[in-house]
């Protein structure tokens, strides 16, 4: 499966503390941009929407 990871628009220019996300058929993948081959978290789309809403508050 070919996946396109996108860096968060909130990531700073310094390049630290960056999160990347990618769409998957089963949900949304989240990973640390400094460790692209490291662990990834896959959450459902509803859970991801709830996470983003929570972070905005």
Protein backbone atom coordinates (compact mmCIF):
# COMPACT_ATOMS: atom_id res chain seq x y z
CA UNK A 1 0.00 0.00 0.00
CA UNK A 2 1.36 3.40 -0.98
CA UNK A 3 0.72 5.93 1.79
CA UNK A 4 1.36 9.68 1.70
CA UNK A 5 2.31 11.12 5.08
CA UNK A 6 1.64 14.83 5.70
CA UNK A 7 3.32 16.94 8.37
CA UNK A 8 1.04 18.80 10.72
CA UNK A 9 0.45 22.43 9.79
CA UNK A 10 1.16 23.22 13.47
CA UNK A 11 4.69 21.79 13.31
CA UNK A 12 7.30 24.45 13.88
CA UNK A 13 9.95 25.45 11.37
CA UNK A 14 12.64 24.19 13.72
CA UNK A 15 11.62 20.62 12.83
CA UNK A 16 11.22 19.32 16.37
CA UNK A 17 8.02 17.93 17.90
CA UNK A 18 6.54 17.13 14.48
CA UNK A 19 3.61 14.83 13.91
CA UNK A 20 2.65 13.35 10.56
CA UNK A 21 -0.69 11.89 9.54
CA UNK A 22 -1.82 9.67 6.67
CA UNK A 23 -5.17 8.36 5.52
CA UNK A 24 -5.69 4.60 5.57
CA UNK A 25 -8.77 2.62 4.52
CA UNK A 26 -9.43 1.80 8.18
CA UNK A 27 -8.71 5.22 9.67
CA UNK A 28 -5.88 7.70 10.18
CA UNK A 29 -2.24 6.90 10.88
CA UNK A 30 -0.15 9.07 13.20
CA UNK A 31 3.65 8.97 13.53
CA UNK A 32 6.64 10.96 14.73
CA UNK A 33 8.25 12.64 11.70
CA UNK A 34 11.72 12.26 13.28
CA UNK A 35 11.27 8.47 13.33
CA UNK A 36 9.40 7.56 10.11
CA UNK A 37 10.30 3.87 10.41
CA UNK A 38 9.30 3.72 14.07
CA UNK A 39 5.93 2.89 15.57
CA UNK A 40 2.71 4.25 14.14
CA UNK A 41 -0.69 4.66 15.71
CA UNK A 42 -3.80 3.84 13.66
CA UNK A 43 -7.09 5.26 14.92
CA UNK A 44 -10.57 5.33 13.45
CA UNK A 45 -11.72 8.48 11.66
CA UNK A 46 -14.25 9.32 14.38
CA UNK A 47 -11.60 8.91 17.08
CA UNK A 48 -9.18 11.10 15.11
CA UNK A 49 -11.83 13.81 14.71
CA UNK A 50 -12.46 13.67 18.48
CA UNK A 51 -8.72 13.93 19.16
CA UNK A 52 -8.35 16.99 16.92
CA UNK A 53 -11.41 18.64 18.50
CA UNK A 54 -10.00 17.99 21.96
CA UNK A 55 -6.61 19.46 21.04
CA UNK A 56 -8.23 22.60 19.65
CA UNK A 57 -9.84 23.36 23.05
